[in-house]
Amino acid sequence: MNAVKDLLKSGRTVIGAAVSPNGDIAMLADSGLDFLLFDTQHAPVEIKELNPALQTMRGT
């Protein structure tokens, strides 16, 4: 998340997407977006359900 903060502090525009952990995370992680937002407050998603999606994104 620090990369996004750094971009914002430098005055750059960041582009991201709100995603479902069941979506095509690998494609989105490699799409050039600055961030992906997993909404765990307004969706019935438990933190443990995010692990596969986060592991898919690791290193991108």
PDB file of N, CA and C in Angstrom:
ATOM      1  N   MET A   1       0.826  -1.195   0.000  1.00  0.00           N
ATOM      2  CA  MET A   1       0.000   0.000   0.000  1.00  0.00           C
ATOM      3  C   MET A   1       0.867   1.254   0.000  1.00  0.00           C
ATOM      4  N   ASN A   2       2.100   1.150   0.430  1.00  0.00           N
ATOM      5  CA  ASN A   2       2.962   2.319   0.444  1.00  0.00           C
ATOM      6  C   ASN A   2       3.193   2.885  -0.947  1.00  0.00           C
ATOM      7  N   ALA A   3       3.234   2.033  -1.959  1.00  0.00           N
ATOM      8  CA  ALA A   3       3.426   2.515  -3.325  1.00  0.00           C
ATOM      9  C   ALA A   3       2.271   3.420  -3.740  1.00  0.00           C
ATOM     10  N   VAL A   4       1.060   3.069  -3.366  1.00  0.00           N
ATOM     11  CA  VAL A   4      -0.107   3.900  -3.687  1.00  0.00           C
ATOM     12  C   VAL A   4      -0.017   5.228  -2.945  1.00  0.00           C
ATOM     13  N   LYS A   5       0.343   5.186  -1.671  1.00  0.00           N
ATOM     14  CA  LYS A   5       0.494   6.423  -0.900  1.00  0.00           C
ATOM     15  C   LYS A   5       1.559   7.319  -1.516  1.00  0.00           C
ATOM     16  N   ASP A   6       2.667   6.727  -1.924  1.00  0.00           N
ATOM     17  CA  ASP A   6       3.743   7.506  -2.536  1.00  0.00           C
ATOM     18  C   ASP A   6       3.279   8.167  -3.823  1.00  0.00           C
ATOM     19  N   LEU A   7       2.524   7.440  -4.641  1.00  0.00           N
ATOM     20  CA  LEU A   7       1.995   8.022  -5.875  1.00  0.00           C
ATOM     21  C   LEU A   7       1.065   9.190  -5.573  1.00  0.00           C
ATOM     22  N   LEU A   8       0.188   9.022  -4.598  1.00  0.00           N
ATOM     23  CA  LEU A   8      -0.743  10.090  -4.235  1.00  0.00           C
ATOM     24  C   LEU A   8      -0.009  11.304  -3.684  1.00  0.00           C
ATOM     25  N   LYS A   9       0.989  11.080  -2.838  1.00  0.00           N
ATOM     26  CA  LYS A   9       1.766  12.190  -2.265  1.00  0.00           C
ATOM     27  C   LYS A   9       2.501  12.973  -3.343  1.00  0.00           C
ATOM     28  N   SER A  10       2.887  12.286  -4.417  1.00  0.00           N
ATOM     29  CA  SER A  10       3.604  12.962  -5.497  1.00  0.00           C
ATOM     30  C   SER A  10       2.653  13.640  -6.479  1.00  0.00           C
ATOM     31  N   GLY A  11       1.351  13.569  -6.198  1.00  0.00           N
ATOM     32  CA  GLY A  11       0.374  14.239  -7.040  1.00  0.00           C
ATOM     33  C   GLY A  11      -0.132  13.414  -8.210  1.00  0.00           C
ATOM     34  N   ARG A  12       0.278  12.169  -8.295  1.00  0.00           N
ATOM     35  CA  ARG A  12      -0.164  11.315  -9.391  1.00  0.00           C
ATOM     36  C   ARG A  12      -1.554  10.771  -9.112  1.00  0.00           C
ATOM     37  N   THR A  13      -2.235  10.403 -10.155  1.00  0.00           N
ATOM     38  CA  THR A  13      -3.540   9.764 -10.059  1.00  0.00           C
ATOM     39  C   THR A  13      -3.335   8.258  -9.988  1.00  0.00           C
ATOM     40  N   VAL A  14      -4.070   7.608  -9.097  1.00  0.00           N
ATOM     41  CA  VAL A  14      -4.003   6.149  -9.013  1.00  0.00           C
ATOM     42  C   VAL A  14      -5.334   5.569  -9.472  1.00  0.00           C
ATOM     43  N   ILE A  15      -5.266   4.398 -10.064  1.00  0.00           N
ATOM     44  CA  ILE A  15      -6.462   3.735 -10.576  1.00  0.00           C
ATOM     45  C   ILE A  15      -6.496   2.322 -10.015  1.00  0.00           C
ATOM     46  N   GLY A  16      -7.650   1.940  -9.489  1.00  0.00           N
ATOM     47  CA  GLY A  16      -7.803   0.609  -8.925  1.00  0.00           C
ATOM     48  C   GLY A  16      -9.207   0.098  -9.146  1.00  0.00           C
ATOM     49  N   ALA A  17      -9.490  -1.023  -8.525  1.00  0.00           N
ATOM     50  CA  ALA A  17     -10.801  -1.641  -8.684  1.00  0.00           C
ATOM     51  C   ALA A  17     -11.215  -2.325  -7.397  1.00  0.00           C
ATOM     52  N   ALA A  18     -12.512  -2.294  -7.127  1.00  0.00           N
ATOM     53  CA  ALA A  18     -13.089  -3.083  -6.038  1.00  0.00           C
ATOM     54  C   ALA A  18     -13.410  -4.448  -6.625  1.00  0.00           C
ATOM     55  N   VAL A  19     -12.907  -5.491  -5.983  1.00  0.00           N
ATOM     56  CA  VAL A  19     -13.019  -6.828  -6.561  1.00  0.00           C
ATOM     57  C   VAL A  19     -13.558  -7.827  -5.552  1.00  0.00           C
ATOM     58  N   SER A  20     -14.036  -8.923  -6.080  1.00  0.00           N
ATOM     59  CA  SER A  20     -14.472 -10.053  -5.271  1.00  0.00           C
ATOM     60  C   SER A  20     -13.321 -11.045  -5.198  1.00  0.00           C
ATOM     61  N   PRO A  21     -13.119 -11.678  -4.053  1.00  0.00           N
ATOM     62  CA  PRO A  21     -12.037 -12.664  -3.981  1.00  0.00           C
ATOM     63  C   PRO A  21     -12.271 -13.859  -4.901  1.00  0.00           C
ATOM     64  N   ASN A  22     -13.480 -14.003  -5.410  1.00  0.00           N
ATOM     65  CA  ASN A  22     -13.788 -15.099  -6.325  1.00  0.00           C
ATOM     66  C   ASN A  22     -13.603 -14.712  -7.787  1.00  0.00           C
ATOM     67  N   GLY A  23     -13.212 -13.459  -8.027  1.00  0.00           N
ATOM     68  CA  GLY A  23     -13.042 -12.997  -9.398  1.00  0.00           C
ATOM     69  C   GLY A  23     -11.728 -13.468  -9.997  1.00  0.00           C
ATOM     70  N   ASP A  24     -11.410 -12.973 -11.168  1.00  0.00           N
ATOM     71  CA  ASP A  24     -10.169 -13.352 -11.849  1.00  0.00           C
ATOM     72  C   ASP A  24      -9.033 -12.466 -11.350  1.00  0.00           C
ATOM     73  N   ILE A  25      -8.556 -12.770 -10.154  1.00  0.00           N
ATOM     74  CA  ILE A  25      -7.561 -11.948  -9.482  1.00  0.00           C
ATOM     75  C   ILE A  25      -6.239 -11.945 -10.242  1.00  0.00           C
ATOM     76  N   ALA A  26      -5.821 -13.069 -10.787  1.00  0.00           N
ATOM     77  CA  ALA A  26      -4.541 -13.132 -11.500  1.00  0.00           C
ATOM     78  C   ALA A  26      -4.529 -12.148 -12.665  1.00  0.00           C
ATOM     79  N   MET A  27      -5.612 -12.096 -13.429  1.00  0.00           N
ATOM     80  CA  MET A  27      -5.686 -11.180 -14.555  1.00  0.00           C
ATOM     81  C   MET A  27      -5.646  -9.734 -14.068  1.00  0.00           C
ATOM     82  N   LEU A  28      -6.417  -9.434 -13.033  1.00  0.00           N
ATOM     83  CA  LEU A  28      -6.451  -8.069 -12.524  1.00  0.00           C
ATOM     84  C   LEU A  28      -5.127  -7.659 -11.894  1.00  0.00           C
ATOM     85  N   ALA A  29      -4.461  -8.583 -11.218  1.00  0.00           N
ATOM     86  CA  ALA A  29      -3.183  -8.265 -10.581  1.00  0.00           C
ATOM     87  C   ALA A  29      -2.127  -7.893 -11.619  1.00  0.00           C
ATOM     88  N   ASP A  30      -2.237  -8.438 -12.812  1.00  0.00           N
ATOM     89  CA  ASP A  30      -1.277  -8.150 -13.880  1.00  0.00           C
ATOM     90  C   ASP A  30      -1.776  -7.091 -14.860  1.00  0.00           C
ATOM     91  N   SER A  31      -2.878  -6.431 -14.550  1.00  0.00           N
ATOM     92  CA  SER A  31      -3.501  -5.510 -15.501  1.00  0.00           C
ATOM     93  C   SER A  31      -2.910  -4.109 -15.493  1.00  0.00           C
ATOM     94  N   GLY A  32      -2.054  -3.815 -14.525  1.00  0.00           N
ATOM     95  CA  GLY A  32      -1.487  -2.473 -14.452  1.00  0.00           C
ATOM     96  C   GLY A  32      -2.223  -1.547 -13.506  1.00  0.00           C
ATOM     97  N   LEU A  33      -3.271  -2.042 -12.855  1.00  0.00           N
ATOM     98  CA  LEU A  33      -3.959  -1.232 -11.853  1.00  0.00           C
ATOM     99  C   LEU A  33      -3.014  -0.959 -10.691  1.00  0.00           C
ATOM    100  N   ASP A  34      -3.212   0.170 -10.034  1.00  0.00           N
ATOM    101  CA  ASP A  34      -2.365   0.523  -8.898  1.00  0.00           C
ATOM    102  C   ASP A  34      -2.772  -0.200  -7.622  1.00  0.00           C
ATOM    103  N   PHE A  35      -4.036  -0.574  -7.513  1.00  0.00           N
ATOM    104  CA  PHE A  35      -4.487  -1.295  -6.321  1.00  0.00           C
ATOM    105  C   PHE A  35      -5.745  -2.093  -6.622  1.00  0.00           C
ATOM    106  N   LEU A  36      -5.975  -3.108  -5.802  1.00  0.00           N
ATOM    107  CA  LEU A  36      -7.228  -3.859  -5.793  1.00  0.00           C
ATOM    108  C   LEU A  36      -7.794  -3.756  -4.390  1.00  0.00           C
ATOM    109  N   LEU A  37      -9.078  -3.496  -4.284  1.00  0.00           N
ATOM    110  CA  LEU A  37      -9.739  -3.335  -2.995  1.00  0.00           C
ATOM    111  C   LEU A  37     -10.700  -4.496  -2.773  1.00  0.00           C
ATOM    112  N   PHE A  38     -10.468  -5.236  -1.708  1.00  0.00           N
ATOM    113  CA  PHE A  38     -11.379  -6.308  -1.314  1.00  0.00           C
ATOM    114  C   PHE A  38     -12.295  -5.751  -0.231  1.00  0.00           C
ATOM    115  N   ASP A  39     -13.564  -5.579  -0.542  1.00  0.00           N
ATOM    116  CA  ASP A  39     -14.523  -5.008   0.405  1.00  0.00           C
ATOM    117  C   ASP A  39     -15.006  -6.094   1.356  1.00  0.00           C
ATOM    118  N   THR A  40     -14.462  -6.097   2.559  1.00  0.00           N
ATOM    119  CA  THR A  40     -14.870  -7.090   3.557  1.00  0.00           C
ATOM    120  C   THR A  40     -15.878  -6.522   4.542  1.00  0.00           C
ATOM    121  N   GLN A  41     -16.206  -5.246   4.401  1.00  0.00           N
ATOM    122  CA  GLN A  41     -17.191  -4.644   5.297  1.00  0.00           C
ATOM    123  C   GLN A  41     -18.608  -4.806   4.763  1.00  0.00           C
ATOM    124  N   HIS A  42     -18.786  -4.625   3.468  1.00  0.00           N
ATOM    125  CA  HIS A  42     -20.127  -4.630   2.886  1.00  0.00           C
ATOM    126  C   HIS A  42     -20.454  -5.914   2.141  1.00  0.00           C
ATOM    127  N   ALA A  43     -19.551  -6.857   2.160  1.00  0.00           N
ATOM    128  CA  ALA A  43     -19.779  -8.135   1.479  1.00  0.00           C
ATOM    129  C   ALA A  43     -19.570  -9.266   2.482  1.00  0.00           C
ATOM    130  N   PRO A  44     -20.289 -10.359   2.312  1.00  0.00           N
ATOM    131  CA  PRO A  44     -20.152 -11.474   3.260  1.00  0.00           C
ATOM    132  C   PRO A  44     -18.881 -12.288   2.997  1.00  0.00           C
ATOM    133  N   VAL A  45     -17.732 -11.666   3.234  1.00  0.00           N
ATOM    134  CA  VAL A  45     -16.442 -12.309   2.993  1.00  0.00           C
ATOM    135  C   VAL A  45     -15.670 -12.349   4.299  1.00  0.00           C
ATOM    136  N   GLU A  46     -15.202 -13.526   4.659  1.00  0.00           N
ATOM    137  CA  GLU A  46     -14.359 -13.645   5.838  1.00  0.00           C
ATOM    138  C   GLU A  46     -12.899 -13.516   5.415  1.00  0.00           C
ATOM    139  N   ILE A  47     -12.077 -13.053   6.337  1.00  0.00           N
ATOM    140  CA  ILE A  47     -10.669 -12.838   6.036  1.00  0.00           C
ATOM    141  C   ILE A  47     -10.015 -14.103   5.476  1.00  0.00           C
ATOM    142  N   LYS A  48     -10.339 -15.260   6.033  1.00  0.00           N
ATOM    143  CA  LYS A  48      -9.716 -16.504   5.562  1.00  0.00           C
ATOM    144  C   LYS A  48     -10.038 -16.794   4.100  1.00  0.00           C
ATOM    145  N   GLU A  49     -11.140 -16.247   3.602  1.00  0.00           N
ATOM    146  CA  GLU A  49     -11.501 -16.433   2.197  1.00  0.00           C
ATOM    147  C   GLU A  49     -10.613 -15.607   1.267  1.00  0.00           C
ATOM    148  N   LEU A  50      -9.909 -14.631   1.824  1.00  0.00           N
ATOM    149  CA  LEU A  50      -9.039 -13.788   1.011  1.00  0.00           C
ATOM    150  C   LEU A  50      -7.680 -14.429   0.738  1.00  0.00           C
ATOM    151  N   ASN A  51      -7.286 -15.412   1.538  1.00  0.00           N
ATOM    152  CA  ASN A  51      -5.951 -16.000   1.395  1.00  0.00           C
ATOM    153  C   ASN A  51      -5.629 -16.456  -0.025  1.00  0.00           C
ATOM    154  N   PRO A  52      -6.487 -17.228  -0.691  1.00  0.00           N
ATOM    155  CA  PRO A  52      -6.141 -17.646  -2.059  1.00  0.00           C
ATOM    156  C   PRO A  52      -5.951 -16.453  -3.005  1.00  0.00           C
ATOM    157  N   ALA A  53      -6.798 -15.442  -2.882  1.00  0.00           N
ATOM    158  CA  ALA A  53      -6.675 -14.267  -3.746  1.00  0.00           C
ATOM    159  C   ALA A  53      -5.379 -13.517  -3.457  1.00  0.00           C
ATOM    160  N   LEU A  54      -5.048 -13.360  -2.188  1.00  0.00           N
ATOM    161  CA  LEU A  54      -3.820 -12.657  -1.820  1.00  0.00           C
ATOM    162  C   LEU A  54      -2.584 -13.436  -2.253  1.00  0.00           C
ATOM    163  N   GLN A  55      -2.628 -14.740  -2.161  1.00  0.00           N
ATOM    164  CA  GLN A  55      -1.500 -15.555  -2.620  1.00  0.00           C
ATOM    165  C   GLN A  55      -1.331 -15.450  -4.131  1.00  0.00           C
ATOM    166  N   THR A  56      -2.435 -15.338  -4.850  1.00  0.00           N
ATOM    167  CA  THR A  56      -2.374 -15.160  -6.301  1.00  0.00           C
ATOM    168  C   THR A  56      -1.695 -13.848  -6.653  1.00  0.00           C
ATOM    169  N   MET A  57      -1.955 -12.818  -5.856  1.00  0.00           N
ATOM    170  CA  MET A  57      -1.402 -11.492  -6.122  1.00  0.00           C
ATOM    171  C   MET A  57       0.045 -11.349  -5.665  1.00  0.00           C
ATOM    172  N   ARG A  58       0.509 -12.212  -4.822  1.00  0.00           N
ATOM    173  CA  ARG A  58       1.847 -12.095  -4.237  1.00  0.00           C
ATOM    174  C   ARG A  58       2.904 -11.898  -5.329  1.00  0.00           C
ATOM    175  N   GLY A  59       3.689 -10.868  -5.146  1.00  0.00           N
ATOM    176  CA  GLY A  59       4.793 -10.626  -6.070  1.00  0.00           C
ATOM    177  C   GLY A  59       4.432  -9.834  -7.307  1.00  0.00           C
ATOM    178  N   THR A  60       3.191  -9.390  -7.426  1.00  0.00           N
ATOM    179  CA  THR A  60       2.832  -8.601  -8.612  1.00  0.00           C
ATOM    180  C   THR A  60       2.878  -7.136  -8.285  1.00  0.00           C
TER     181      THR A  60
END
